[in-house]
Amino acid sequence: MPDIYTFTVSSDTAPSFPKGFNTLREELLENEILREIDGKLVFQTDYLFSSPSSAAAVVMGRSANGLVEWKDYSGRDLKSIEAKEIQKANDQLNTGVDADSPILA
């Protein structure tokens, strides 16, 4: 089951908000993927962004590094989670054993 993130999007944007992300935000509103509700923008459906940073920028209304802005429930940022998963995959390749699975004798 995939992780589920619930959030509202600030309707305000920073003066330095990149034009491309602002255009994307406007398209999401036009296509009713985002709707303004009580002064906040709320996603009405899932939307797949091209990168964590583009998702963070649209959500936050400013330039953003998605690898450090997105965090799980325990506060770990995406960069740390990704590094751990890469290390785990490398360990599996090097040993041929899944570090998280029990070894049967």
N, C-alpha and C. Protein backbone atom coordinates (compact mmCIF):
# COMPACT_ATOMS: atom_id res chain seq x y z
N MET A 1 0.84 -1.18 0.00
CA MET A 1 0.00 0.00 0.00
C MET A 1 0.89 1.24 0.00
N PRO A 2 0.65 2.20 -0.89
CA PRO A 2 1.51 3.38 -0.95
C PRO A 2 1.28 4.29 0.24
N ASP A 3 2.30 5.12 0.53
CA ASP A 3 2.16 6.13 1.57
C ASP A 3 1.12 7.14 1.11
N ILE A 4 0.38 7.68 2.04
CA ILE A 4 -0.63 8.68 1.72
C ILE A 4 -0.26 9.96 2.45
N TYR A 5 -0.16 11.03 1.70
CA TYR A 5 0.15 12.34 2.26
C TYR A 5 -1.08 13.22 2.10
N THR A 6 -1.50 13.84 3.17
CA THR A 6 -2.64 14.74 3.14
C THR A 6 -2.13 16.12 3.50
N PHE A 7 -2.45 17.10 2.69
CA PHE A 7 -2.01 18.45 2.97
C PHE A 7 -2.86 19.43 2.19
N THR A 8 -2.82 20.66 2.64
CA THR A 8 -3.43 21.74 1.88
C THR A 8 -2.30 22.58 1.32
N VAL A 9 -2.58 23.28 0.26
CA VAL A 9 -1.58 24.07 -0.45
C VAL A 9 -1.84 25.54 -0.16
N SER A 10 -0.81 26.26 0.18
CA SER A 10 -0.96 27.69 0.41
C SER A 10 -1.39 28.37 -0.87
N SER A 11 -2.37 29.25 -0.77
CA SER A 11 -2.81 29.96 -1.97
C SER A 11 -1.89 31.14 -2.27
N ASP A 12 -1.04 31.50 -1.31
CA ASP A 12 -0.08 32.58 -1.51
C ASP A 12 1.20 32.03 -2.14
N THR A 13 1.86 32.86 -2.91
CA THR A 13 3.14 32.47 -3.49
C THR A 13 4.17 33.53 -3.17
N ALA A 14 5.44 33.11 -3.13
CA ALA A 14 6.55 34.04 -2.90
C ALA A 14 6.80 34.85 -4.17
N PRO A 15 7.30 36.08 -4.02
CA PRO A 15 7.61 36.89 -5.21
C PRO A 15 8.58 36.19 -6.16
N SER A 16 9.43 35.34 -5.60
CA SER A 16 10.42 34.64 -6.43
C SER A 16 9.92 33.31 -6.98
N PHE A 17 8.62 33.03 -6.82
CA PHE A 17 8.05 31.76 -7.28
C PHE A 17 8.30 31.60 -8.78
N PRO A 18 8.98 30.53 -9.20
CA PRO A 18 9.31 30.36 -10.62
C PRO A 18 8.07 30.35 -11.52
N LYS A 19 8.19 31.03 -12.64
CA LYS A 19 7.06 31.18 -13.57
C LYS A 19 6.51 29.83 -14.03
N GLY A 20 7.38 28.87 -14.31
CA GLY A 20 6.94 27.55 -14.77
C GLY A 20 6.07 26.83 -13.75
N PHE A 21 6.46 26.94 -12.47
CA PHE A 21 5.66 26.31 -11.42
C PHE A 21 4.35 27.05 -11.21
N ASN A 22 4.38 28.37 -11.38
CA ASN A 22 3.14 29.14 -11.27
C ASN A 22 2.19 28.74 -12.40
N THR A 23 2.73 28.55 -13.60
CA THR A 23 1.91 28.11 -14.74
C THR A 23 1.30 26.74 -14.45
N LEU A 24 2.10 25.82 -13.91
CA LEU A 24 1.59 24.49 -13.57
C LEU A 24 0.49 24.60 -12.52
N ARG A 25 0.70 25.42 -11.52
CA ARG A 25 -0.31 25.61 -10.47
C ARG A 25 -1.62 26.12 -11.08
N GLU A 26 -1.51 27.08 -11.99
CA GLU A 26 -2.70 27.63 -12.65
C GLU A 26 -3.41 26.56 -13.49
N GLU A 27 -2.63 25.69 -14.17
CA GLU A 27 -3.22 24.59 -14.95
C GLU A 27 -3.95 23.60 -14.03
N LEU A 28 -3.37 23.32 -12.88
CA LEU A 28 -4.01 22.40 -11.93
C LEU A 28 -5.33 22.99 -11.43
N LEU A 29 -5.36 24.28 -11.24
CA LEU A 29 -6.61 24.95 -10.83
C LEU A 29 -7.63 24.91 -11.97
N GLU A 30 -7.18 25.23 -13.16
CA GLU A 30 -8.07 25.25 -14.33
C GLU A 30 -8.69 23.89 -14.58
N ASN A 31 -7.91 22.84 -14.38
CA ASN A 31 -8.38 21.47 -14.61
C ASN A 31 -9.04 20.86 -13.37
N GLU A 32 -9.22 21.68 -12.34
CA GLU A 32 -9.88 21.29 -11.09
C GLU A 32 -9.20 20.13 -10.37
N ILE A 33 -7.90 20.00 -10.58
CA ILE A 33 -7.11 19.06 -9.78
C ILE A 33 -6.87 19.70 -8.42
N LEU A 34 -6.69 21.03 -8.43
CA LEU A 34 -6.65 21.84 -7.22
C LEU A 34 -7.89 22.72 -7.19
N ARG A 35 -8.45 22.89 -6.01
CA ARG A 35 -9.59 23.81 -5.84
C ARG A 35 -9.33 24.67 -4.62
N GLU A 36 -9.75 25.92 -4.70
CA GLU A 36 -9.63 26.79 -3.53
C GLU A 36 -10.82 26.56 -2.61
N ILE A 37 -10.51 26.22 -1.37
CA ILE A 37 -11.52 25.98 -0.35
C ILE A 37 -11.08 26.71 0.91
N ASP A 38 -11.90 27.65 1.37
CA ASP A 38 -11.60 28.42 2.58
C ASP A 38 -10.21 29.05 2.54
N GLY A 39 -9.84 29.61 1.39
CA GLY A 39 -8.56 30.30 1.27
C GLY A 39 -7.35 29.41 1.10
N LYS A 40 -7.56 28.12 0.99
CA LYS A 40 -6.46 27.16 0.78
C LYS A 40 -6.72 26.40 -0.51
N LEU A 41 -5.66 25.97 -1.14
CA LEU A 41 -5.79 25.12 -2.32
C LEU A 41 -5.74 23.67 -1.86
N VAL A 42 -6.68 22.88 -2.31
CA VAL A 42 -6.79 21.49 -1.88
C VAL A 42 -6.81 20.58 -3.11
N PHE A 43 -5.93 19.57 -3.11
CA PHE A 43 -5.94 18.61 -4.21
C PHE A 43 -7.24 17.83 -4.19
N GLN A 44 -7.86 17.70 -5.35
CA GLN A 44 -9.11 16.96 -5.49
C GLN A 44 -8.87 15.54 -6.00
N THR A 45 -7.69 15.30 -6.51
CA THR A 45 -7.33 14.00 -7.05
C THR A 45 -5.82 13.84 -6.97
N ASP A 46 -5.34 12.63 -7.16
CA ASP A 46 -3.90 12.40 -7.20
C ASP A 46 -3.31 13.11 -8.41
N TYR A 47 -2.08 13.55 -8.28
CA TYR A 47 -1.37 14.16 -9.39
C TYR A 47 0.09 13.75 -9.31
N LEU A 48 0.63 13.24 -10.39
CA LEU A 48 2.02 12.80 -10.43
C LEU A 48 2.89 13.93 -10.97
N PHE A 49 3.77 14.45 -10.13
CA PHE A 49 4.69 15.50 -10.52
C PHE A 49 5.94 14.88 -11.14
N SER A 50 6.69 15.68 -11.87
CA SER A 50 7.90 15.18 -12.53
C SER A 50 9.06 14.98 -11.56
N SER A 51 8.99 15.60 -10.39
CA SER A 51 10.06 15.44 -9.40
C SER A 51 9.55 15.84 -8.03
N PRO A 52 10.24 15.42 -6.97
CA PRO A 52 9.86 15.85 -5.62
C PRO A 52 9.94 17.37 -5.46
N SER A 53 10.91 17.99 -6.14
CA SER A 53 11.08 19.44 -6.01
C SER A 53 9.95 20.20 -6.70
N SER A 54 9.49 19.73 -7.84
CA SER A 54 8.38 20.43 -8.49
C SER A 54 7.11 20.29 -7.66
N ALA A 55 6.90 19.14 -7.05
CA ALA A 55 5.75 18.96 -6.17
C ALA A 55 5.84 19.91 -4.97
N ALA A 56 7.01 19.97 -4.36
CA ALA A 56 7.18 20.84 -3.20
C ALA A 56 6.98 22.30 -3.58
N ALA A 57 7.50 22.71 -4.73
CA ALA A 57 7.37 24.11 -5.16
C ALA A 57 5.90 24.48 -5.37
N VAL A 58 5.15 23.63 -6.05
CA VAL A 58 3.73 23.92 -6.30
C VAL A 58 2.97 23.96 -4.98
N VAL A 59 3.26 23.04 -4.08
CA VAL A 59 2.57 22.98 -2.80
C VAL A 59 2.93 24.18 -1.92
N MET A 60 4.21 24.55 -1.91
CA MET A 60 4.67 25.59 -1.00
C MET A 60 4.58 27.00 -1.58
N GLY A 61 4.44 27.11 -2.91
CA GLY A 61 4.36 28.43 -3.52
C GLY A 61 5.67 29.16 -3.57
N ARG A 62 6.77 28.42 -3.59
CA ARG A 62 8.11 29.00 -3.65
C ARG A 62 9.07 27.94 -4.18
N SER A 63 10.27 28.36 -4.54
CA SER A 63 11.28 27.38 -4.91
C SER A 63 11.52 26.46 -3.72
N ALA A 64 11.72 25.17 -3.99
CA ALA A 64 11.89 24.22 -2.89
C ALA A 64 12.69 23.02 -3.34
N ASN A 65 13.50 22.48 -2.45
CA ASN A 65 14.23 21.25 -2.68
C ASN A 65 13.38 20.12 -2.09
N GLY A 66 12.72 19.38 -2.96
CA GLY A 66 11.82 18.33 -2.50
C GLY A 66 12.49 17.24 -1.69
N LEU A 67 13.78 17.02 -1.90
CA LEU A 67 14.48 15.97 -1.16
C LEU A 67 14.60 16.30 0.33
N VAL A 68 14.56 17.58 0.67
CA VAL A 68 14.64 17.94 2.09
C VAL A 68 13.31 18.47 2.62
N GLU A 69 12.40 18.91 1.74
CA GLU A 69 11.11 19.42 2.19
C GLU A 69 10.13 18.31 2.53
N TRP A 70 10.12 17.22 1.75
CA TRP A 70 9.19 16.11 2.00
C TRP A 70 9.73 15.26 3.14
N LYS A 71 8.88 15.02 4.13
CA LYS A 71 9.26 14.22 5.29
C LYS A 71 8.19 13.18 5.58
N ASP A 72 8.63 12.04 6.13
CA ASP A 72 7.65 11.03 6.52
C ASP A 72 7.13 11.35 7.93
N TYR A 73 6.27 10.48 8.44
CA TYR A 73 5.64 10.74 9.74
C TYR A 73 6.65 10.81 10.89
N SER A 74 7.80 10.18 10.73
CA SER A 74 8.80 10.23 11.81
C SER A 74 9.77 11.39 11.64
N GLY A 75 9.58 12.21 10.59
CA GLY A 75 10.42 13.38 10.39
C GLY A 75 11.63 13.16 9.50
N ARG A 76 11.78 11.95 8.95
CA ARG A 76 12.91 11.69 8.04
C ARG A 76 12.63 12.30 6.68
N ASP A 77 13.61 13.04 6.16
CA ASP A 77 13.39 13.66 4.85
C ASP A 77 13.61 12.64 3.73
N LEU A 78 13.09 12.96 2.57
CA LEU A 78 13.15 12.06 1.42
C LEU A 78 14.59 11.72 1.05
N LYS A 79 15.50 12.68 1.20
CA LYS A 79 16.91 12.44 0.89
C LYS A 79 17.48 11.31 1.76
N SER A 80 17.16 11.33 3.05
CA SER A 80 17.64 10.29 3.97
C SER A 80 17.01 8.94 3.66
N ILE A 81 15.71 8.95 3.36
CA ILE A 81 15.01 7.70 3.03
C ILE A 81 15.59 7.10 1.76
N GLU A 82 15.82 7.94 0.76
CA GLU A 82 16.38 7.49 -0.50
C GLU A 82 17.78 6.92 -0.30
N ALA A 83 18.61 7.60 0.49
CA ALA A 83 19.97 7.13 0.76
C ALA A 83 19.95 5.77 1.44
N LYS A 84 19.04 5.58 2.40
CA LYS A 84 18.93 4.30 3.10
C LYS A 84 18.51 3.18 2.14
N GLU A 85 17.54 3.48 1.27
CA GLU A 85 17.09 2.47 0.30
C GLU A 85 18.18 2.12 -0.70
N ILE A 86 18.95 3.10 -1.13
CA ILE A 86 20.06 2.84 -2.05
C ILE A 86 21.11 1.97 -1.37
N GLN A 87 21.44 2.30 -0.11
CA GLN A 87 22.41 1.50 0.63
C GLN A 87 21.93 0.07 0.80
N LYS A 88 20.65 -0.08 1.10
CA LYS A 88 20.06 -1.41 1.27
C LYS A 88 20.16 -2.22 -0.03
N ALA A 89 19.85 -1.57 -1.17
CA ALA A 89 19.94 -2.24 -2.46
C ALA A 89 21.38 -2.62 -2.78
N ASN A 90 22.32 -1.74 -2.49
CA ASN A 90 23.74 -2.04 -2.73
C ASN A 90 24.20 -3.20 -1.87
N ASP A 91 23.76 -3.22 -0.61
CA ASP A 91 24.12 -4.32 0.28
C ASP A 91 23.58 -5.65 -0.26
N GLN A 92 22.35 -5.63 -0.78
CA GLN A 92 21.77 -6.84 -1.35
C GLN A 92 22.56 -7.31 -2.57
N LEU A 93 22.96 -6.36 -3.40
CA LEU A 93 23.75 -6.72 -4.59
C LEU A 93 25.10 -7.32 -4.20
N ASN A 94 25.71 -6.74 -3.16
CA ASN A 94 27.04 -7.19 -2.75
C ASN A 94 27.02 -8.52 -2.01
N THR A 95 25.95 -8.79 -1.27
CA THR A 95 25.90 -10.02 -0.47
C THR A 95 24.96 -11.06 -1.05
N GLY A 96 24.02 -10.61 -1.87
CA GLY A 96 23.03 -11.52 -2.42
C GLY A 96 21.95 -11.89 -1.41
N VAL A 97 21.92 -11.19 -0.27
CA VAL A 97 20.94 -11.48 0.79
C VAL A 97 20.20 -10.20 1.12
N ASP A 98 18.91 -10.31 1.30
CA ASP A 98 18.10 -9.18 1.74
C ASP A 98 18.33 -9.00 3.23
N ALA A 99 18.85 -7.83 3.61
CA ALA A 99 19.20 -7.55 5.01
C ALA A 99 17.99 -7.58 5.93
N ASP A 100 16.79 -7.37 5.40
CA ASP A 100 15.60 -7.34 6.24
C ASP A 100 14.88 -8.69 6.33
N SER A 101 15.26 -9.65 5.53
CA SER A 101 14.54 -10.92 5.57
C SER A 101 15.31 -11.93 6.42
N PRO A 102 14.56 -12.78 7.14
CA PRO A 102 15.23 -13.77 7.99
C PRO A 102 15.95 -14.83 7.12
N ILE A 103 17.06 -15.26 7.62
CA ILE A 103 17.83 -16.29 6.91
C ILE A 103 17.37 -17.64 7.45
N LEU A 104 16.92 -18.48 6.55
CA LEU A 104 16.43 -19.80 6.93
C LEU A 104 17.59 -20.79 6.93
N ALA A 105 17.69 -21.57 7.98
CA ALA A 105 18.77 -22.56 8.07
C ALA A 105 18.29 -23.90 7.58
